[in-house]
Amino acid sequence: MKSTLTRISVFSLTVILGFSLGATAMAGVPPDVVKGPDLARIQVPFIENRGQVHEDVAFYARTFGGTLFVTRDGEMVLSALTSDKTGQKPVLVREKLVGGKDARITGVESSNTKVSTFIGNDPTKWQRNLPTFSSIGLGEVYEGVELRLKAYGKTVEKVFSVKPGGNPADIRTVVSGVDSLAVKTDGKLILRVGRDLIFYSKPVAYQIIDGTRHPVIAAYSIEGDQYSFTIGEYDRTKELRIDPLLTASYLGGAGGNDRGQGIVVHPTSGDIYVAGYTWSADFPNV
């Protein structure tokens, strides 16, 4: 499956119609123009697999940092390209929940975006107007713990909902395809792949009680190739949400000084144009 996912990421042709800006775009900014740091606000749809990619894949989202595949058994696979002085090379980073229930993956929020894919030279295998979703759910991954995924710009949001009676200590994820895991002093989780890094934001945990959001202390804990969460005191009679963000950092070159200054979404074709500058001689150009 590894080589198949790599080929999907590099060689398939996908046409995305109606790329969603989502409700997070700033008020007062035209919906077809998002500038600078607001690139991260663009919501990326999850595409349902109906035979256009490997049969093990249930949904996938093509973010600006790489493609996230979610397999039917609940594995999350980030496929990206990293650049160095020798050129570009594909990287696969895999995440799998440890000791959980069988995933029941479904599209949760339908998106207006429609996707067509044209892979190979056999028109009977081309796919048109595939349904997409703003988020997907993996169901109850542990007793009393549900998981939902959303994609934005270069990030993937994983929201764990711990119901009363559920235990956040049950959540444990094994990571493969990386050289090491580490936690920075600012609370971020770092996945090192050669000279490249993938960051997970410091986990945010909170409860909504009587309409008010109450923060809960949360941090990563590492044991070998696995990470979990250490959670502070909270009201166990109410739902707890844990929300780490995966931020892929592969778009760029070895020069290390690349900057996007603007992005425009074509009003009819849905094509996305990113403008900016770079001092990296090996910045990806395809």
Protein backbone atom coordinates (compact mmCIF):
# COMPACT_ATOMS: atom_id res chain seq x y z
CA MET A 1 0.00 0.00 0.00
CA LYS A 2 2.93 2.34 0.60
CA SER A 3 3.96 2.65 -3.04
CA THR A 4 0.32 2.96 -4.15
CA LEU A 5 -0.36 5.89 -1.86
CA THR A 6 2.81 7.60 -3.09
CA ARG A 7 1.72 7.22 -6.71
CA ILE A 8 -1.70 8.62 -5.89
CA SER A 9 -0.17 11.71 -4.33
CA VAL A 10 2.20 12.44 -7.18
CA PHE A 11 0.50 11.40 -10.41
CA SER A 12 -3.28 11.58 -10.11
CA LEU A 13 -5.15 14.49 -11.66
CA THR A 14 -7.89 15.96 -9.52
CA VAL A 15 -10.24 18.80 -10.40
CA ILE A 16 -11.85 20.46 -7.39
CA LEU A 17 -14.94 22.56 -8.00
CA GLY A 18 -16.17 25.10 -5.46
CA PHE A 19 -13.22 24.97 -3.04
CA SER A 20 -14.67 25.92 0.35
CA LEU A 21 -13.52 28.97 2.28
CA GLY A 22 -15.77 27.96 5.14
CA ALA A 23 -17.26 30.09 7.87
CA THR A 24 -13.87 31.00 9.31
CA ALA A 25 -13.01 33.55 6.60
CA MET A 26 -12.76 37.04 8.07
CA ALA A 27 -15.79 39.28 7.91
CA GLY A 28 -15.41 42.05 5.37
CA VAL A 29 -12.98 40.12 3.17
CA PRO A 30 -14.35 39.04 -0.24
CA PRO A 31 -14.83 35.26 -0.27
CA ASP A 32 -12.67 34.81 -3.36
CA VAL A 33 -9.60 36.60 -1.93
CA VAL A 34 -7.73 35.56 1.20
CA LYS A 35 -4.38 37.15 2.01
CA GLY A 36 -1.23 36.19 3.86
CA PRO A 37 -1.68 34.26 7.09
CA ASP A 38 -5.38 33.66 6.33
CA LEU A 39 -4.27 30.81 4.08
CA ALA A 40 -4.70 28.65 7.18
CA ARG A 41 -8.39 29.61 7.35
CA ILE A 42 -9.32 27.90 4.10
CA GLN A 43 -11.26 24.73 4.78
CA VAL A 44 -10.17 21.72 2.73
CA PRO A 45 -12.85 19.11 1.99
CA PHE A 46 -12.51 15.39 2.61
CA ILE A 47 -13.17 13.42 -0.60
CA GLU A 48 -15.01 10.12 -0.45
CA ASN A 49 -13.19 7.25 -2.14
CA ARG A 50 -15.34 5.53 -4.76
CA GLY A 51 -12.57 3.64 -6.46
CA GLN A 52 -10.38 6.54 -7.62
CA VAL A 53 -7.64 5.71 -5.07
CA HIS A 54 -6.46 2.58 -3.24
CA GLU A 55 -9.33 0.43 -1.97
CA ASP A 56 -8.08 0.65 1.64
CA VAL A 57 -8.78 4.42 1.69
CA ALA A 58 -12.16 5.66 2.93
CA PHE A 59 -11.62 9.45 2.66
CA TYR A 60 -8.75 11.79 1.85
CA ALA A 61 -8.04 15.54 2.00
CA ARG A 62 -5.48 17.33 -0.19
CA THR A 63 -4.07 20.06 2.07
CA PHE A 64 -1.34 22.55 1.11
CA GLY A 65 1.07 20.51 3.24
CA GLY A 66 0.29 17.10 1.73
CA THR A 67 -2.55 14.61 1.36
CA LEU A 68 -4.10 12.99 4.42
CA PHE A 69 -5.55 9.55 3.71
CA VAL A 70 -7.88 7.92 6.24
CA THR A 71 -8.09 4.17 5.72
CA ARG A 72 -11.14 2.06 6.39
CA ASP A 73 -9.55 0.64 9.53
CA GLY A 74 -8.93 4.13 10.94
CA GLU A 75 -5.25 4.63 10.09
CA MET A 76 -4.31 8.23 9.21
CA VAL A 77 -1.58 8.51 6.55
CA LEU A 78 0.04 11.83 5.63
CA SER A 79 1.62 11.70 2.15
CA ALA A 80 3.87 14.67 1.37
CA LEU A 81 6.92 15.74 -0.61
CA THR A 82 10.03 16.97 1.16
CA SER A 83 12.80 18.90 -0.60
CA ASP A 84 16.56 18.88 -0.07
CA LYS A 85 19.65 19.47 -2.20
CA THR A 86 19.11 16.15 -4.00
CA GLY A 87 15.56 17.06 -5.02
CA GLN A 88 12.08 16.03 -3.89
CA LYS A 89 11.19 12.74 -2.24
CA PRO A 90 7.89 11.32 -1.00
CA VAL A 91 7.31 10.80 2.72
CA LEU A 92 4.57 8.77 4.42
CA VAL A 93 3.76 9.38 8.09
CA ARG A 94 1.27 6.95 9.61
CA GLU A 95 -0.82 7.28 12.78
CA LYS A 96 -2.89 4.53 14.35
CA LEU A 97 -4.87 4.55 17.59
CA VAL A 98 -3.66 1.85 19.98
CA GLY A 99 -6.08 -0.51 21.71
CA GLY A 100 -9.20 1.23 20.47
CA LYS A 101 -12.43 0.06 18.90
CA ASP A 102 -12.86 -0.65 15.20
CA ALA A 103 -13.33 2.63 13.34
CA ARG A 104 -16.73 3.42 11.80
CA ILE A 105 -15.77 6.14 9.32
CA THR A 106 -18.50 8.38 7.92
CA GLY A 107 -18.84 11.77 6.30
CA VAL A 108 -20.34 14.09 8.90
CA GLU A 109 -20.89 17.48 7.30
CA SER A 110 -21.61 17.55 3.56
CA SER A 111 -19.71 20.18 1.57
CA ASN A 112 -20.83 22.02 -1.57
CA THR A 113 -17.50 21.10 -3.17
CA LYS A 114 -17.59 18.50 -5.95
CA VAL A 115 -14.49 16.66 -7.15
CA SER A 116 -13.66 14.92 -10.44
CA THR A 117 -10.61 12.68 -10.92
CA PHE A 118 -9.10 11.42 -14.18
CA ILE A 119 -6.59 8.66 -13.48
CA GLY A 120 -5.19 6.54 -16.29
CA ASN A 121 -6.33 6.45 -19.92
CA ASP A 122 -9.51 4.40 -19.41
CA PRO A 123 -12.47 6.86 -19.33
CA THR A 124 -14.70 4.21 -17.71
CA LYS A 125 -12.59 4.49 -14.56
CA TRP A 126 -12.74 8.30 -14.35
CA GLN A 127 -14.83 9.75 -11.53
CA ARG A 128 -16.99 12.87 -11.75
CA ASN A 129 -18.82 14.96 -9.13
CA LEU A 130 -17.64 12.95 -6.16
CA PRO A 131 -19.20 13.99 -2.82
CA THR A 132 -17.04 15.76 -0.24
CA PHE A 133 -17.41 16.52 3.44
CA SER A 134 -16.31 19.36 5.70
CA SER A 135 -15.52 16.81 8.41
CA ILE A 136 -15.43 13.07 8.86
CA GLY A 137 -16.06 11.00 11.96
CA LEU A 138 -14.30 7.83 13.06
CA GLY A 139 -17.04 7.01 15.55
CA GLU A 140 -16.42 5.81 19.09
CA VAL A 141 -12.71 4.98 18.95
CA TYR A 142 -12.55 4.13 22.67
CA GLU A 143 -15.29 3.50 25.19
CA GLY A 144 -16.93 6.90 25.61
CA VAL A 145 -14.44 8.66 23.27
CA GLU A 146 -15.34 9.86 19.76
CA LEU A 147 -13.02 11.31 17.09
CA ARG A 148 -13.73 13.77 14.28
CA LEU A 149 -11.33 15.22 11.64
CA LYS A 150 -11.34 18.55 9.79
CA ALA A 151 -8.75 19.94 7.36
CA TYR A 152 -7.71 23.59 6.92
CA GLY A 153 -4.94 25.00 4.72
CA LYS A 154 -1.84 23.07 5.88
CA THR A 155 -3.38 21.64 9.05
CA VAL A 156 -5.60 18.77 10.12
CA GLU A 157 -7.74 19.20 13.23
CA LYS A 158 -8.39 16.11 15.35
CA VAL A 159 -11.17 16.60 17.91
CA PHE A 160 -11.54 13.95 20.59
CA SER A 161 -14.85 14.15 22.47
CA VAL A 162 -14.66 12.38 25.83
CA LYS A 163 -18.16 11.64 27.09
CA PRO A 164 -19.04 11.22 30.80
CA GLY A 165 -17.66 7.82 31.74
CA GLY A 166 -14.96 7.97 29.05
CA ASN A 167 -11.29 8.17 29.98
CA PRO A 168 -8.87 10.50 28.11
CA ALA A 169 -5.99 8.31 29.37
CA ASP A 170 -7.21 5.61 26.96
CA ILE A 171 -6.21 7.75 23.95
CA ARG A 172 -2.84 6.57 22.65
CA THR A 173 -1.44 6.90 19.12
CA VAL A 174 1.47 5.04 17.53
CA VAL A 175 3.41 6.92 14.83
CA SER A 176 5.48 5.28 12.07
CA GLY A 177 7.49 6.71 9.20
CA VAL A 178 9.32 9.23 11.41
CA ASP A 179 12.77 9.23 12.99
CA SER A 180 11.77 10.58 16.39
CA LEU A 181 9.09 12.21 18.55
CA ALA A 182 9.78 15.07 20.96
CA VAL A 183 7.86 17.68 22.94
CA LYS A 184 9.10 21.28 22.78
CA THR A 185 9.20 23.55 25.80
CA ASP A 186 6.19 25.42 24.38
CA GLY A 187 4.15 22.19 24.43
CA LYS A 188 4.24 21.37 20.70
CA LEU A 189 4.83 17.81 19.54
CA ILE A 190 7.60 17.47 16.94
CA LEU A 191 7.83 14.61 14.46
CA ARG A 192 11.25 14.53 12.80
CA VAL A 193 11.62 13.03 9.32
CA GLY A 194 15.25 13.39 8.26
CA ARG A 195 15.91 17.15 8.27
CA ASP A 196 12.21 18.01 8.04
CA LEU A 197 9.78 18.59 10.89
CA ILE A 198 6.05 18.12 11.35
CA PHE A 199 4.48 20.02 14.22
CA TYR A 200 1.43 19.26 16.31
CA SER A 201 0.12 22.26 18.20
CA LYS A 202 0.00 22.14 21.98
CA PRO A 203 -3.25 20.28 22.75
CA VAL A 204 -6.20 22.43 23.74
CA ALA A 205 -8.71 20.85 26.12
CA TYR A 206 -11.93 22.43 27.32
CA GLN A 207 -15.49 21.88 28.49
CA ILE A 208 -18.64 23.82 27.63
CA ILE A 209 -20.63 24.24 30.85
CA ASP A 210 -23.78 26.39 30.93
CA GLY A 211 -22.74 27.95 27.63
CA THR A 212 -19.29 28.97 28.90
CA ARG A 213 -16.01 27.48 27.71
CA HIS A 214 -13.80 26.28 30.57
CA PRO A 215 -10.16 25.49 29.68
CA VAL A 216 -8.59 22.29 31.00
CA ILE A 217 -4.84 21.72 31.35
CA ALA A 218 -3.52 19.36 28.65
CA ALA A 219 -0.08 18.21 27.49
CA TYR A 220 1.56 15.52 25.36
CA SER A 221 3.19 12.47 26.87
CA ILE A 222 5.65 10.36 24.83
CA GLU A 223 6.60 6.72 25.25
CA GLY A 224 8.79 5.37 22.45
CA ASP A 225 6.92 5.76 19.14
CA GLN A 226 3.61 6.60 20.84
CA TYR A 227 2.04 9.76 22.19
CA SER A 228 -0.87 10.31 24.53
CA PHE A 229 -2.39 13.16 26.56
CA THR A 230 -1.95 14.17 30.17
CA ILE A 231 -5.11 15.95 31.29
CA GLY A 232 -5.65 18.09 34.40
CA GLU A 233 -8.70 18.07 36.66
CA TYR A 234 -12.08 18.48 34.97
CA ASP A 235 -15.78 17.81 35.56
CA ARG A 236 -16.19 14.15 34.62
CA THR A 237 -19.97 14.50 34.49
CA LYS A 238 -19.61 16.76 31.42
CA GLU A 239 -18.11 16.21 27.96
CA LEU A 240 -14.41 17.03 27.53
CA ARG A 241 -12.90 18.03 24.17
CA ILE A 242 -9.24 17.60 23.27
CA ASP A 243 -8.08 19.37 20.12
CA PRO A 244 -4.51 19.02 18.77
CA LEU A 245 -3.63 20.39 15.30
CA LEU A 246 -1.32 18.60 12.88
CA THR A 247 0.66 21.16 10.84
CA ALA A 248 2.55 19.75 7.86
CA SER A 249 5.60 21.82 6.96
CA TYR A 250 6.74 20.39 3.64
CA LEU A 251 5.87 23.24 1.24
CA GLY A 252 9.15 25.09 0.86
CA GLY A 253 12.78 24.65 -0.08
CA ALA A 254 16.05 23.98 1.66
CA GLY A 255 16.84 27.72 1.75
CA GLY A 256 14.38 28.06 4.61
CA ASN A 257 13.08 31.52 3.68
CA ASP A 258 9.82 31.09 1.78
CA ARG A 259 6.80 33.33 2.22
CA GLY A 260 3.27 33.34 0.82
CA GLN A 261 1.78 36.83 0.56
CA GLY A 262 -1.58 36.18 -1.00
CA ILE A 263 -4.01 33.61 -2.28
CA VAL A 264 -6.85 33.91 -4.79
CA VAL A 265 -9.56 31.36 -5.47
CA HIS A 266 -10.87 31.57 -9.05
CA PRO A 267 -14.60 32.48 -8.89
CA THR A 268 -15.67 29.95 -11.55
CA SER A 269 -13.03 27.20 -11.89
CA GLY A 270 -12.16 26.94 -8.21
CA ASP A 271 -8.42 26.96 -9.04
CA ILE A 272 -6.19 28.29 -6.27
CA TYR A 273 -3.31 30.70 -6.96
CA VAL A 274 -0.69 31.40 -4.28
CA ALA A 275 1.66 34.38 -4.68
CA GLY A 276 4.84 35.03 -2.72
CA TYR A 277 8.60 34.72 -2.91
CA THR A 278 11.44 32.37 -2.01
CA TRP A 279 15.23 32.33 -1.76
CA SER A 280 15.33 28.52 -2.05
CA ALA A 281 16.86 27.26 -5.28
CA ASP A 282 15.06 23.92 -4.84
CA PHE A 283 11.56 25.26 -4.07
CA PRO A 284 8.96 22.83 -5.54
CA ASN A 285 7.81 24.06 -8.95
CA VAL A 286 5.30 21.35 -9.89
